Amino acid sequence: MDHDLELIEIMDHDLELIEIMDHDLELIEIMDHDLELIEIMDHDLELIEIMDHDLELIEIIDHDLELLEIMDHDLELIEIMDHDLELIVIRFIYLIWLQVFYLTTWSRFS
């Protein structure tokens, strides 16, 4: 009988150990879930870094667009300057013509 009592106590202790192990398994499952969440968060951080890089590229593209607008304005100014050069050439030719006309007319009357 005494031996049975000892066995019952041992079995009772074993049941307590089994409950502890069961609780440990639950904790391991929770930790595993936490690891999955950490992996998801790590992936989210990578996505945030990619988005940050994309924002930098968008800023560069925006700056390039501003430069293109400036270049377009410069082209307009070049066209205006080209037109001004044409007017200068026309005026120069007109001045030469006036001088020739003046010289030929002056030589006739003198």
C-alpha atoms as a PDB file:
ATOM      1  CA  MET A   1       0.000   0.000   0.000  1.00  0.00           C
ATOM      2  CA  ASP A   2       2.792   2.270   0.908  1.00  0.00           C
ATOM      3  CA  HIS A   3       4.388   1.470  -2.382  1.00  0.00           C
ATOM      4  CA  ASP A   4       1.138   2.380  -4.183  1.00  0.00           C
ATOM      5  CA  LEU A   5       1.072   5.716  -2.453  1.00  0.00           C
ATOM      6  CA  GLU A   6       4.597   6.403  -3.614  1.00  0.00           C
ATOM      7  CA  LEU A   7       3.619   5.483  -7.151  1.00  0.00           C
ATOM      8  CA  ILE A   8       0.595   7.759  -6.977  1.00  0.00           C
ATOM      9  CA  GLU A   9       2.811  10.601  -5.780  1.00  0.00           C
ATOM     10  CA  ILE A  10       5.253   9.936  -8.608  1.00  0.00           C
ATOM     11  CA  MET A  11       2.393   9.871 -11.110  1.00  0.00           C
ATOM     12  CA  ASP A  12       1.022  13.061  -9.621  1.00  0.00           C
ATOM     13  CA  HIS A  13       4.449  14.664  -9.995  1.00  0.00           C
ATOM     14  CA  ASP A  14       4.615  13.366 -13.582  1.00  0.00           C
ATOM     15  CA  LEU A  15       1.250  14.970 -14.298  1.00  0.00           C
ATOM     16  CA  GLU A  16       2.553  18.273 -12.981  1.00  0.00           C
ATOM     17  CA  LEU A  17       5.603  17.931 -15.237  1.00  0.00           C
ATOM     18  CA  ILE A  18       3.341  17.137 -18.191  1.00  0.00           C
ATOM     19  CA  GLU A  19       1.301  20.286 -17.439  1.00  0.00           C
ATOM     20  CA  ILE A  20       4.512  22.313 -17.276  1.00  0.00           C
ATOM     21  CA  MET A  21       5.676  20.839 -20.558  1.00  0.00           C
ATOM     22  CA  ASP A  22       2.282  21.576 -22.109  1.00  0.00           C
ATOM     23  CA  HIS A  23       2.598  25.179 -20.930  1.00  0.00           C
ATOM     24  CA  ASP A  24       6.124  25.287 -22.386  1.00  0.00           C
ATOM     25  CA  LEU A  25       4.771  24.068 -25.719  1.00  0.00           C
ATOM     26  CA  GLU A  26       2.223  26.879 -25.679  1.00  0.00           C
ATOM     27  CA  LEU A  27       5.035  29.350 -25.001  1.00  0.00           C
ATOM     28  CA  ILE A  28       7.060  27.880 -27.862  1.00  0.00           C
ATOM     29  CA  GLU A  29       4.064  28.323 -30.184  1.00  0.00           C
ATOM     30  CA  ILE A  30       3.711  31.937 -29.040  1.00  0.00           C
ATOM     31  CA  MET A  31       7.419  32.512 -29.613  1.00  0.00           C
ATOM     32  CA  ASP A  32       7.144  30.951 -33.064  1.00  0.00           C
ATOM     33  CA  HIS A  33       4.277  33.293 -33.865  1.00  0.00           C
ATOM     34  CA  ASP A  34       6.370  36.201 -32.574  1.00  0.00           C
ATOM     35  CA  LEU A  35       9.191  35.155 -34.911  1.00  0.00           C
ATOM     36  CA  GLU A  36       6.774  35.168 -37.832  1.00  0.00           C
ATOM     37  CA  LEU A  37       5.669  38.668 -36.849  1.00  0.00           C
ATOM     38  CA  ILE A  38       9.291  39.777 -36.638  1.00  0.00           C
ATOM     39  CA  GLU A  39       9.895  38.418 -40.151  1.00  0.00           C
ATOM     40  CA  ILE A  40       6.826  40.299 -41.392  1.00  0.00           C
ATOM     41  CA  MET A  41       8.072  43.477 -39.714  1.00  0.00           C
ATOM     42  CA  ASP A  42      11.504  42.971 -41.283  1.00  0.00           C
ATOM     43  CA  HIS A  43       9.871  42.625 -44.676  1.00  0.00           C
ATOM     44  CA  ASP A  44       7.862  45.792 -43.981  1.00  0.00           C
ATOM     45  CA  LEU A  45      11.088  47.625 -43.172  1.00  0.00           C
ATOM     46  CA  GLU A  46      12.559  46.495 -46.487  1.00  0.00           C
ATOM     47  CA  LEU A  47       9.446  47.785 -48.246  1.00  0.00           C
ATOM     48  CA  ILE A  48       9.773  51.101 -46.409  1.00  0.00           C
ATOM     49  CA  GLU A  49      13.399  51.370 -47.560  1.00  0.00           C
ATOM     50  CA  ILE A  50      12.293  50.664 -51.142  1.00  0.00           C
ATOM     51  CA  MET A  51       9.578  53.313 -50.850  1.00  0.00           C
ATOM     52  CA  ASP A  52      12.133  55.762 -49.471  1.00  0.00           C
ATOM     53  CA  HIS A  53      14.375  55.060 -52.454  1.00  0.00           C
ATOM     54  CA  ASP A  54      11.383  55.558 -54.766  1.00  0.00           C
ATOM     55  CA  LEU A  55      10.714  58.921 -53.149  1.00  0.00           C
ATOM     56  CA  GLU A  56      14.313  59.930 -53.784  1.00  0.00           C
ATOM     57  CA  LEU A  57      13.904  58.907 -57.430  1.00  0.00           C
ATOM     58  CA  ILE A  58      10.692  60.928 -57.661  1.00  0.00           C
ATOM     59  CA  GLU A  59      12.537  63.966 -56.290  1.00  0.00           C
ATOM     60  CA  ILE A  60      15.287  63.450 -58.889  1.00  0.00           C
ATOM     61  CA  ILE A  61      12.697  63.148 -61.663  1.00  0.00           C
ATOM     62  CA  ASP A  62      10.982  66.294 -60.383  1.00  0.00           C
ATOM     63  CA  HIS A  63      14.304  68.122 -60.461  1.00  0.00           C
ATOM     64  CA  ASP A  64      14.908  66.833 -64.004  1.00  0.00           C
ATOM     65  CA  LEU A  65      11.515  68.176 -65.043  1.00  0.00           C
ATOM     66  CA  GLU A  66      12.437  71.570 -63.650  1.00  0.00           C
ATOM     67  CA  LEU A  67      15.682  71.454 -65.624  1.00  0.00           C
ATOM     68  CA  LEU A  68      13.761  70.527 -68.769  1.00  0.00           C
ATOM     69  CA  GLU A  69      11.494  73.525 -68.248  1.00  0.00           C
ATOM     70  CA  ILE A  70      14.564  75.742 -67.875  1.00  0.00           C
ATOM     71  CA  MET A  71      16.069  74.245 -71.039  1.00  0.00           C
ATOM     72  CA  ASP A  72      12.798  74.833 -72.877  1.00  0.00           C
ATOM     73  CA  HIS A  73      12.879  78.466 -71.763  1.00  0.00           C
ATOM     74  CA  ASP A  74      16.503  78.694 -72.921  1.00  0.00           C
ATOM     75  CA  LEU A  75      15.491  77.358 -76.329  1.00  0.00           C
ATOM     76  CA  GLU A  76      12.849  80.043 -76.577  1.00  0.00           C
ATOM     77  CA  LEU A  77      15.495  82.649 -75.748  1.00  0.00           C
ATOM     78  CA  ILE A  78      17.810  81.192 -78.401  1.00  0.00           C
ATOM     79  CA  GLU A  79      15.020  81.457 -80.962  1.00  0.00           C
ATOM     80  CA  ILE A  80      14.494  85.092 -79.977  1.00  0.00           C
ATOM     81  CA  MET A  81      18.232  85.745 -80.261  1.00  0.00           C
ATOM     82  CA  ASP A  82      18.257  84.054 -83.662  1.00  0.00           C
ATOM     83  CA  HIS A  83      15.469  86.329 -84.798  1.00  0.00           C
ATOM     84  CA  ASP A  84      17.400  89.327 -83.427  1.00  0.00           C
ATOM     85  CA  LEU A  85      20.446  88.242 -85.430  1.00  0.00           C
ATOM     86  CA  GLU A  86      18.350  88.078 -88.568  1.00  0.00           C
ATOM     87  CA  LEU A  87      17.178  91.635 -87.906  1.00  0.00           C
ATOM     88  CA  ILE A  88      20.757  92.784 -87.333  1.00  0.00           C
ATOM     89  CA  VAL A  89      21.860  91.232 -90.623  1.00  0.00           C
ATOM     90  CA  ILE A  90      18.937  92.857 -92.431  1.00  0.00           C
ATOM     91  CA  ARG A  91      19.801  96.232 -90.893  1.00  0.00           C
ATOM     92  CA  PHE A  92      23.456  95.780 -91.784  1.00  0.00           C
ATOM     93  CA  ILE A  93      22.557  94.984 -95.389  1.00  0.00           C
ATOM     94  CA  TYR A  94      20.232  97.993 -95.437  1.00  0.00           C
ATOM     95  CA  LEU A  95      23.014 100.239 -94.117  1.00  0.00           C
ATOM     96  CA  ILE A  96      25.398  98.980 -96.805  1.00  0.00           C
ATOM     97  CA  TRP A  97      22.738  99.572 -99.423  1.00  0.00           C
ATOM     98  CA  LEU A  98      22.204 103.107 -98.094  1.00  0.00           C
ATOM     99  CA  GLN A  99      25.922 103.818 -98.249  1.00  0.00           C
ATOM    100  CA  VAL A 100      26.165 102.486-101.777  1.00  0.00           C
ATOM    101  CA  PHE A 101      23.116 104.495-102.748  1.00  0.00           C
ATOM    102  CA  TYR A 102      24.496 107.574-101.073  1.00  0.00           C
ATOM    103  CA  LEU A 103      27.895 107.155-102.728  1.00  0.00           C
ATOM    104  CA  THR A 104      26.417 106.581-106.171  1.00  0.00           C
ATOM    105  CA  THR A 105      24.012 109.453-105.783  1.00  0.00           C
ATOM    106  CA  TRP A 106      26.723 111.760-104.415  1.00  0.00           C
ATOM    107  CA  SER A 107      29.071 110.883-107.228  1.00  0.00           C
ATOM    108  CA  ARG A 108      26.426 111.775-109.803  1.00  0.00           C
ATOM    109  CA  PHE A 109      25.839 115.188-108.352  1.00  0.00           C
ATOM    110  CA  SER A 110      29.384 116.078-107.705  1.00  0.00           C
END
